[in-house]
Amino acid sequence: MTLPDTGSPRVAQPAERTESTLTVLVAFGANALIAVAKSVAAAITGSASMLAEAVHSWADTGNEVFLLLADRRSRRPADRAHPLGFGREAYVWSMFAALGLFAVGAGVSITHGVQELVHPEPAGSFGVAYVVLGVAFVLEGISFLQATRQARAEARSAERDVLHHVLVTSDPTLRAVVAEDAAALAGLVIAFGGVLAHQLTGSPVPDAVGSIVVGLVLAVVSVVLIDRNRRFLVGETALPATREAALQALLDMPEVERVTYLRLEFVGPRSLYLVASVDLRGDESETAVARRLDALERRVTALPIVAGAVFTVSTPEEPSLRP
């Protein structure tokens, strides 16, 4: 990997618009249509599982607004007060979305299911429920395919499998959409089973249990998303493969003799902050060394993925790092 030569300042530059915005917009449109359809179906049928699914879809629709805010606000250019940019805002707004999924989606679904078990009510017009569930499955499938297409392309370039990439990616919007859509598809299958069992047995118990199970699925997904956003907010370091590639890139630079310290920390989606101690070739004056380090920092921060960089001079007794 070659680092370009540039005179750009040592601050984060606005990230290029990625496919994440399109992924979130597709998810927002699909969830909004599904939420309306499920709400109408829940009112007509009186199904507990269908009501849980309606709440789930409204929660997902609201969450997409948070994800759009995360994507937009994290792309603001750096300023003097925020030299590393606003990348971490993506994790703040994504955290709100995950908390909303837990409180609204999971909480309401579980609560309604328990209430239905205690005070059961009969349901009807099952054909309407099946039609709406079928349409919802198609729309959710479209959103899920868009999200997985983006995840698959990124995973391929990073030489990871798709699931691992979704879990470790620094892009919280992609992770949230993939997780929410997967949970939505699973929820639709569960709701279908609950409605069908209600119709076949005449008992509202399977329907109520379906509502509770949907809520539990949402709770698990939201806890995973909350934990991942928490990790990036407090400071997630780059994966070993990324660190090794960065170390090798530094060692390949002609002015760098060796590297004795290297830390890479995410400060936003696809945005890293680099701190390193290096031993420069030659034996120059303090002023010359300072200028060479400054030039080195500028070259490294020219990379879109590097939000900022600080280089210091290694002492002779420090051991060298090896990729």
Protein backbone atom coordinates (compact mmCIF):
# COMPACT_ATOMS: atom_id res chain seq x y z
CA MET A 1 0.00 0.00 0.00
CA THR A 2 1.43 3.39 -1.00
CA LEU A 3 0.64 6.53 0.96
CA PRO A 4 0.12 9.57 -1.26
CA ASP A 5 2.09 12.77 -0.86
CA THR A 6 -0.11 15.76 -0.04
CA GLY A 7 -0.18 19.07 1.75
CA SER A 8 -3.60 18.54 3.29
CA PRO A 9 -4.09 19.61 6.94
CA ARG A 10 -3.98 17.01 9.72
CA VAL A 11 -7.73 16.97 10.28
CA ALA A 12 -10.52 14.70 9.14
CA GLN A 13 -11.90 15.39 5.70
CA PRO A 14 -15.59 14.83 4.80
CA ALA A 15 -16.09 11.18 3.97
CA GLU A 16 -17.36 10.30 0.53
CA ARG A 17 -21.04 9.46 0.23
CA THR A 18 -21.36 5.70 0.51
CA GLU A 19 -24.01 3.14 -0.22
CA SER A 20 -25.08 3.23 3.42
CA THR A 21 -27.45 6.15 2.76
CA LEU A 22 -29.22 4.21 0.02
CA THR A 23 -29.46 1.15 2.26
CA VAL A 24 -31.12 3.15 5.05
CA LEU A 25 -33.51 4.91 2.65
CA VAL A 26 -34.64 1.59 1.18
CA ALA A 27 -35.19 0.23 4.69
CA PHE A 28 -37.13 3.37 5.70
CA GLY A 29 -39.48 3.17 2.72
CA ALA A 30 -40.10 -0.54 3.16
CA ASN A 31 -40.73 -0.29 6.89
CA ALA A 32 -43.10 2.67 6.55
CA LEU A 33 -45.27 0.82 4.01
CA ILE A 34 -45.20 -2.37 6.07
CA ALA A 35 -46.08 -0.55 9.30
CA VAL A 36 -49.21 0.97 7.76
CA ALA A 37 -50.30 -2.37 6.28
CA LYS A 38 -49.70 -4.29 9.51
CA SER A 39 -51.56 -1.70 11.57
CA VAL A 40 -54.63 -2.01 9.36
CA ALA A 41 -54.41 -5.79 9.46
CA ALA A 42 -54.02 -5.80 13.26
CA ALA A 43 -57.12 -3.63 13.61
CA ILE A 44 -59.15 -5.89 11.32
CA THR A 45 -58.00 -9.27 12.65
CA GLY A 46 -57.40 -8.54 16.32
CA SER A 47 -54.30 -10.77 16.14
CA ALA A 48 -51.73 -10.30 18.93
CA SER A 49 -48.87 -11.41 16.67
CA MET A 50 -49.98 -8.99 13.97
CA LEU A 51 -50.13 -6.12 16.45
CA ALA A 52 -46.64 -7.03 17.68
CA GLU A 53 -45.42 -6.97 14.10
CA ALA A 54 -47.07 -3.57 13.51
CA VAL A 55 -45.31 -2.14 16.57
CA HIS A 56 -42.07 -3.72 15.37
CA SER A 57 -42.38 -2.07 11.95
CA TRP A 58 -43.22 1.35 13.42
CA ALA A 59 -40.19 1.03 15.69
CA ASP A 60 -38.00 0.12 12.71
CA THR A 61 -39.36 3.09 10.75
CA GLY A 62 -38.48 5.45 13.58
CA ASN A 63 -35.08 3.83 13.90
CA GLU A 64 -34.30 4.53 10.25
CA VAL A 65 -34.76 8.24 10.99
CA PHE A 66 -32.11 7.93 13.71
CA LEU A 67 -29.84 6.07 11.26
CA LEU A 68 -30.27 8.78 8.63
CA LEU A 69 -29.31 11.35 11.26
CA ALA A 70 -26.32 9.18 12.18
CA ASP A 71 -25.19 9.05 8.57
CA ARG A 72 -25.74 12.76 7.91
CA ARG A 73 -24.29 14.24 11.11
CA SER A 74 -21.22 12.00 11.14
CA ARG A 75 -20.23 13.34 7.71
CA ARG A 76 -19.89 16.96 8.81
CA PRO A 77 -16.44 18.32 8.01
CA ALA A 78 -13.90 18.78 10.76
CA ASP A 79 -13.39 22.19 12.35
CA ARG A 80 -10.98 23.70 14.85
CA ALA A 81 -13.03 22.47 17.80
CA HIS A 82 -13.36 18.98 16.32
CA PRO A 83 -10.13 18.29 14.40
CA LEU A 84 -10.99 14.58 14.06
CA GLY A 85 -14.43 15.31 12.65
CA PHE A 86 -17.85 14.22 13.91
CA GLY A 87 -17.64 10.53 13.04
CA ARG A 88 -18.57 9.28 16.51
CA GLU A 89 -21.99 10.93 16.18
CA ALA A 90 -22.89 7.93 14.02
CA TYR A 91 -22.62 5.69 17.08
CA VAL A 92 -24.61 8.09 19.28
CA TRP A 93 -27.63 8.19 16.95
CA SER A 94 -27.33 4.48 16.19
CA MET A 95 -27.38 3.87 19.95
CA PHE A 96 -30.68 5.78 20.14
CA ALA A 97 -32.06 3.55 17.38
CA ALA A 98 -30.99 0.40 19.22
CA LEU A 99 -32.50 1.65 22.48
CA GLY A 100 -35.73 2.48 20.64
CA LEU A 101 -35.86 -1.01 19.19
CA PHE A 102 -35.47 -2.46 22.69
CA ALA A 103 -37.94 -0.16 24.48
CA VAL A 104 -40.63 0.13 21.80
CA GLY A 105 -40.26 -2.95 19.63
CA ALA A 106 -39.36 -5.56 22.23
CA GLY A 107 -41.06 -4.01 25.24
CA VAL A 108 -44.46 -3.43 23.63
CA SER A 109 -44.49 -6.80 21.87
CA ILE A 110 -43.71 -8.76 25.03
CA THR A 111 -46.12 -6.71 27.15
CA HIS A 112 -48.98 -7.14 24.68
CA GLY A 113 -48.32 -10.87 24.40
CA VAL A 114 -48.47 -11.29 28.17
CA GLN A 115 -51.68 -9.25 28.34
CA GLU A 116 -53.20 -11.41 25.61
CA LEU A 117 -52.38 -14.53 27.64
CA VAL A 118 -54.05 -13.05 30.71
CA HIS A 119 -57.04 -11.58 28.88
CA PRO A 120 -57.37 -13.53 25.59
CA GLU A 121 -59.46 -12.12 22.76
CA PRO A 122 -60.55 -14.01 19.64
CA ALA A 123 -59.22 -12.99 16.23
CA GLY A 124 -60.75 -13.21 12.76
CA SER A 125 -60.26 -12.27 9.09
CA PHE A 126 -57.13 -14.42 8.95
CA GLY A 127 -56.92 -14.05 5.17
CA VAL A 128 -56.12 -10.34 5.59
CA ALA A 129 -53.28 -11.22 7.98
CA TYR A 130 -51.78 -13.72 5.55
CA VAL A 131 -51.87 -11.26 2.65
CA VAL A 132 -50.24 -8.51 4.70
CA LEU A 133 -47.59 -10.86 6.05
CA GLY A 134 -46.80 -12.00 2.52
CA VAL A 135 -46.47 -8.44 1.20
CA ALA A 136 -44.40 -7.48 4.22
CA PHE A 137 -42.06 -10.42 3.65
CA VAL A 138 -41.44 -9.29 0.06
CA LEU A 139 -40.75 -5.67 1.06
CA GLU A 140 -38.52 -6.68 3.96
CA GLY A 141 -36.74 -9.07 1.64
CA ILE A 142 -35.97 -6.23 -0.79
CA SER A 143 -34.51 -4.12 2.02
CA PHE A 144 -32.55 -7.09 3.36
CA LEU A 145 -31.12 -7.87 -0.09
CA GLN A 146 -29.92 -4.27 -0.48
CA ALA A 147 -28.25 -4.35 2.93
CA THR A 148 -26.63 -7.75 2.37
CA ARG A 149 -25.47 -6.72 -1.11
CA GLN A 150 -23.59 -3.81 0.44
CA ALA A 151 -22.28 -6.01 3.26
CA ARG A 152 -21.18 -8.72 0.82
CA ALA A 153 -19.24 -6.25 -1.34
CA GLU A 154 -17.49 -4.74 1.68
CA ALA A 155 -16.77 -8.16 3.19
CA ARG A 156 -15.24 -9.32 -0.07
CA SER A 157 -12.87 -6.34 -0.22
CA ALA A 158 -11.92 -6.87 3.44
CA GLU A 159 -11.51 -10.64 2.90
CA ARG A 160 -14.06 -11.56 5.60
CA ASP A 161 -17.22 -13.59 5.63
CA VAL A 162 -20.41 -11.51 5.54
CA LEU A 163 -21.64 -12.22 9.08
CA HIS A 164 -18.25 -11.42 10.61
CA HIS A 165 -18.05 -8.19 8.62
CA VAL A 166 -21.52 -7.07 9.77
CA LEU A 167 -20.53 -7.65 13.40
CA VAL A 168 -17.15 -5.87 13.25
CA THR A 169 -17.73 -3.13 10.66
CA SER A 170 -17.25 0.44 11.85
CA ASP A 171 -20.40 1.45 9.92
CA PRO A 172 -23.25 1.24 12.47
CA THR A 173 -25.97 2.01 9.94
CA LEU A 174 -25.13 -1.03 7.81
CA ARG A 175 -25.03 -3.28 10.88
CA ALA A 176 -28.35 -1.90 12.17
CA VAL A 177 -30.22 -2.34 8.87
CA VAL A 178 -28.94 -5.89 8.34
CA ALA A 179 -29.81 -6.87 11.93
CA GLU A 180 -33.23 -5.21 11.91
CA ASP A 181 -34.20 -6.68 8.55
CA ALA A 182 -33.07 -10.16 9.59
CA ALA A 183 -35.10 -9.82 12.80
CA ALA A 184 -38.08 -8.56 10.80
CA LEU A 185 -38.01 -11.55 8.46
CA ALA A 186 -37.76 -13.90 11.43
CA GLY A 187 -40.60 -12.03 13.11
CA LEU A 188 -42.83 -12.41 10.07
CA VAL A 189 -42.30 -16.17 10.06
CA ILE A 190 -43.09 -16.30 13.79
CA ALA A 191 -46.19 -14.14 13.33
CA PHE A 192 -47.38 -16.37 10.48
CA GLY A 193 -47.03 -19.42 12.73
CA GLY A 194 -48.91 -17.68 15.53
CA VAL A 195 -51.80 -16.59 13.31
CA LEU A 196 -52.01 -19.99 11.65
CA ALA A 197 -52.04 -21.82 14.99
CA HIS A 198 -54.72 -19.43 16.24
CA GLN A 199 -56.86 -20.18 13.20
CA LEU A 200 -56.39 -23.94 13.39
CA THR A 201 -56.89 -24.33 17.14
CA GLY A 202 -59.25 -21.49 17.84
CA SER A 203 -57.08 -20.60 20.83
CA PRO A 204 -55.40 -17.16 21.10
CA VAL A 205 -52.56 -18.65 23.14
CA PRO A 206 -50.25 -19.47 20.18
CA ASP A 207 -50.84 -15.99 18.81
CA ALA A 208 -49.93 -14.41 22.15
CA VAL A 209 -46.86 -16.61 22.46
CA GLY A 210 -45.86 -15.51 18.95
CA SER A 211 -46.03 -11.88 20.09
CA ILE A 212 -43.75 -12.65 23.05
CA VAL A 213 -41.26 -14.53 20.87
CA VAL A 214 -41.12 -11.64 18.40
CA GLY A 215 -40.37 -9.33 21.32
CA LEU A 216 -37.58 -11.58 22.58
CA VAL A 217 -35.98 -11.68 19.11
CA LEU A 218 -36.03 -7.88 18.99
CA ALA A 219 -34.57 -7.69 22.49
CA VAL A 220 -31.61 -9.90 21.55
CA VAL A 221 -30.93 -7.89 18.37
CA SER A 222 -31.14 -4.56 20.18
CA VAL A 223 -28.76 -5.71 22.96
CA VAL A 224 -26.18 -6.74 20.34
CA LEU A 225 -26.51 -3.37 18.58
CA ILE A 226 -26.27 -1.45 21.86
CA ASP A 227 -23.09 -3.33 22.80
CA ARG A 228 -21.42 -2.73 19.43
CA ASN A 229 -22.19 1.00 19.50
CA ARG A 230 -20.92 1.20 23.09
CA ARG A 231 -17.62 -0.36 22.06
CA PHE A 232 -17.06 2.17 19.28
CA LEU A 233 -18.07 5.10 21.50
CA VAL A 234 -15.52 4.23 24.19
CA GLY A 235 -12.79 3.53 21.62
CA GLU A 236 -12.61 0.46 19.37
CA THR A 237 -9.17 -0.37 18.01
CA ALA A 238 -8.61 -1.64 14.50
CA LEU A 239 -8.57 -5.36 13.83
CA PRO A 240 -5.15 -7.09 13.80
CA ALA A 241 -5.19 -7.42 10.00
CA THR A 242 -5.77 -3.69 9.59
CA ARG A 243 -3.04 -2.90 12.08
CA GLU A 244 -0.56 -5.18 10.31
CA ALA A 245 -1.37 -3.58 6.95
CA ALA A 246 -0.84 -0.10 8.41
CA LEU A 247 2.44 -1.15 10.03
CA GLN A 248 3.70 -2.61 6.78
CA ALA A 249 2.69 0.55 4.90
CA LEU A 250 4.70 2.69 7.33
CA LEU A 251 7.74 0.42 7.08
CA ASP A 252 7.53 0.61 3.28
CA MET A 253 7.91 4.39 3.38
CA PRO A 254 11.50 5.36 2.45
CA GLU A 255 11.96 7.81 5.33
CA VAL A 256 10.93 5.32 8.04
CA GLU A 257 13.66 3.08 9.46
CA ARG A 258 11.48 1.27 12.00
CA VAL A 259 8.27 1.58 14.01
CA THR A 260 8.22 1.05 17.79
CA TYR A 261 4.65 2.01 18.68
CA LEU A 262 1.39 1.98 16.71
CA ARG A 263 -2.21 2.50 17.75
CA LEU A 264 -5.21 2.70 15.43
CA GLU A 265 -8.56 3.70 16.93
CA PHE A 266 -11.87 4.27 15.15
CA VAL A 267 -13.26 7.80 15.48
CA GLY A 268 -16.14 7.21 13.07
CA PRO A 269 -17.34 4.93 10.28
CA ARG A 270 -14.29 3.95 8.20
CA SER A 271 -12.30 6.65 9.99
CA LEU A 272 -9.17 5.89 12.03
CA TYR A 273 -6.92 7.92 14.32
CA LEU A 274 -3.28 6.83 14.13
CA VAL A 275 -0.57 7.34 16.74
CA ALA A 276 2.92 5.97 16.09
CA SER A 277 6.53 6.24 17.20
CA VAL A 278 9.00 5.93 14.35
CA ASP A 279 12.75 6.02 13.84
CA LEU A 280 13.57 8.11 10.76
CA ARG A 281 16.48 7.32 8.49
CA GLY A 282 19.51 9.60 8.80
CA ASP A 283 20.73 11.84 11.63
CA GLU A 284 19.39 15.35 11.15
CA SER A 285 18.81 18.38 13.35
CA GLU A 286 15.74 18.72 15.59
CA THR A 287 14.14 21.22 13.20
CA ALA A 288 14.62 18.95 10.21
CA VAL A 289 13.22 15.96 12.09
CA ALA A 290 10.16 17.97 13.16
CA ARG A 291 9.49 18.98 9.55
CA ARG A 292 9.89 15.42 8.33
CA LEU A 293 7.46 14.14 10.98
CA ASP A 294 4.99 16.86 10.01
CA ALA A 295 5.27 15.86 6.36
CA LEU A 296 4.79 12.21 7.32
CA GLU A 297 1.61 13.03 9.26
CA ARG A 298 0.23 14.95 6.29
CA ARG A 299 0.92 12.06 3.92
CA VAL A 300 -0.80 9.53 6.18
CA THR A 301 -3.88 11.70 6.85
CA ALA A 302 -4.34 12.11 3.11
CA LEU A 303 -5.85 8.62 3.17
CA PRO A 304 -9.67 8.82 3.41
CA ILE A 305 -9.72 6.25 6.21
CA VAL A 306 -7.28 8.18 8.45
CA ALA A 307 -8.94 11.03 10.37
CA GLY A 308 -5.76 12.17 12.07
CA ALA A 309 -2.23 11.06 12.86
CA VAL A 310 0.50 11.87 15.39
CA PHE A 311 4.09 10.69 14.98
CA THR A 312 6.84 10.87 17.57
CA VAL A 313 10.51 9.88 17.39
CA SER A 314 11.43 6.48 18.79
CA THR A 315 14.17 6.14 21.38
CA PRO A 316 17.05 3.77 20.54
CA GLU A 317 16.18 1.24 23.26
CA GLU A 318 12.56 0.74 22.14
CA PRO A 319 12.01 -2.63 20.45
CA SER A 320 10.87 -2.62 16.83
CA LEU A 321 7.43 -3.80 15.77
CA ARG A 322 7.14 -6.42 13.05
CA PRO A 323 4.10 -7.03 10.81
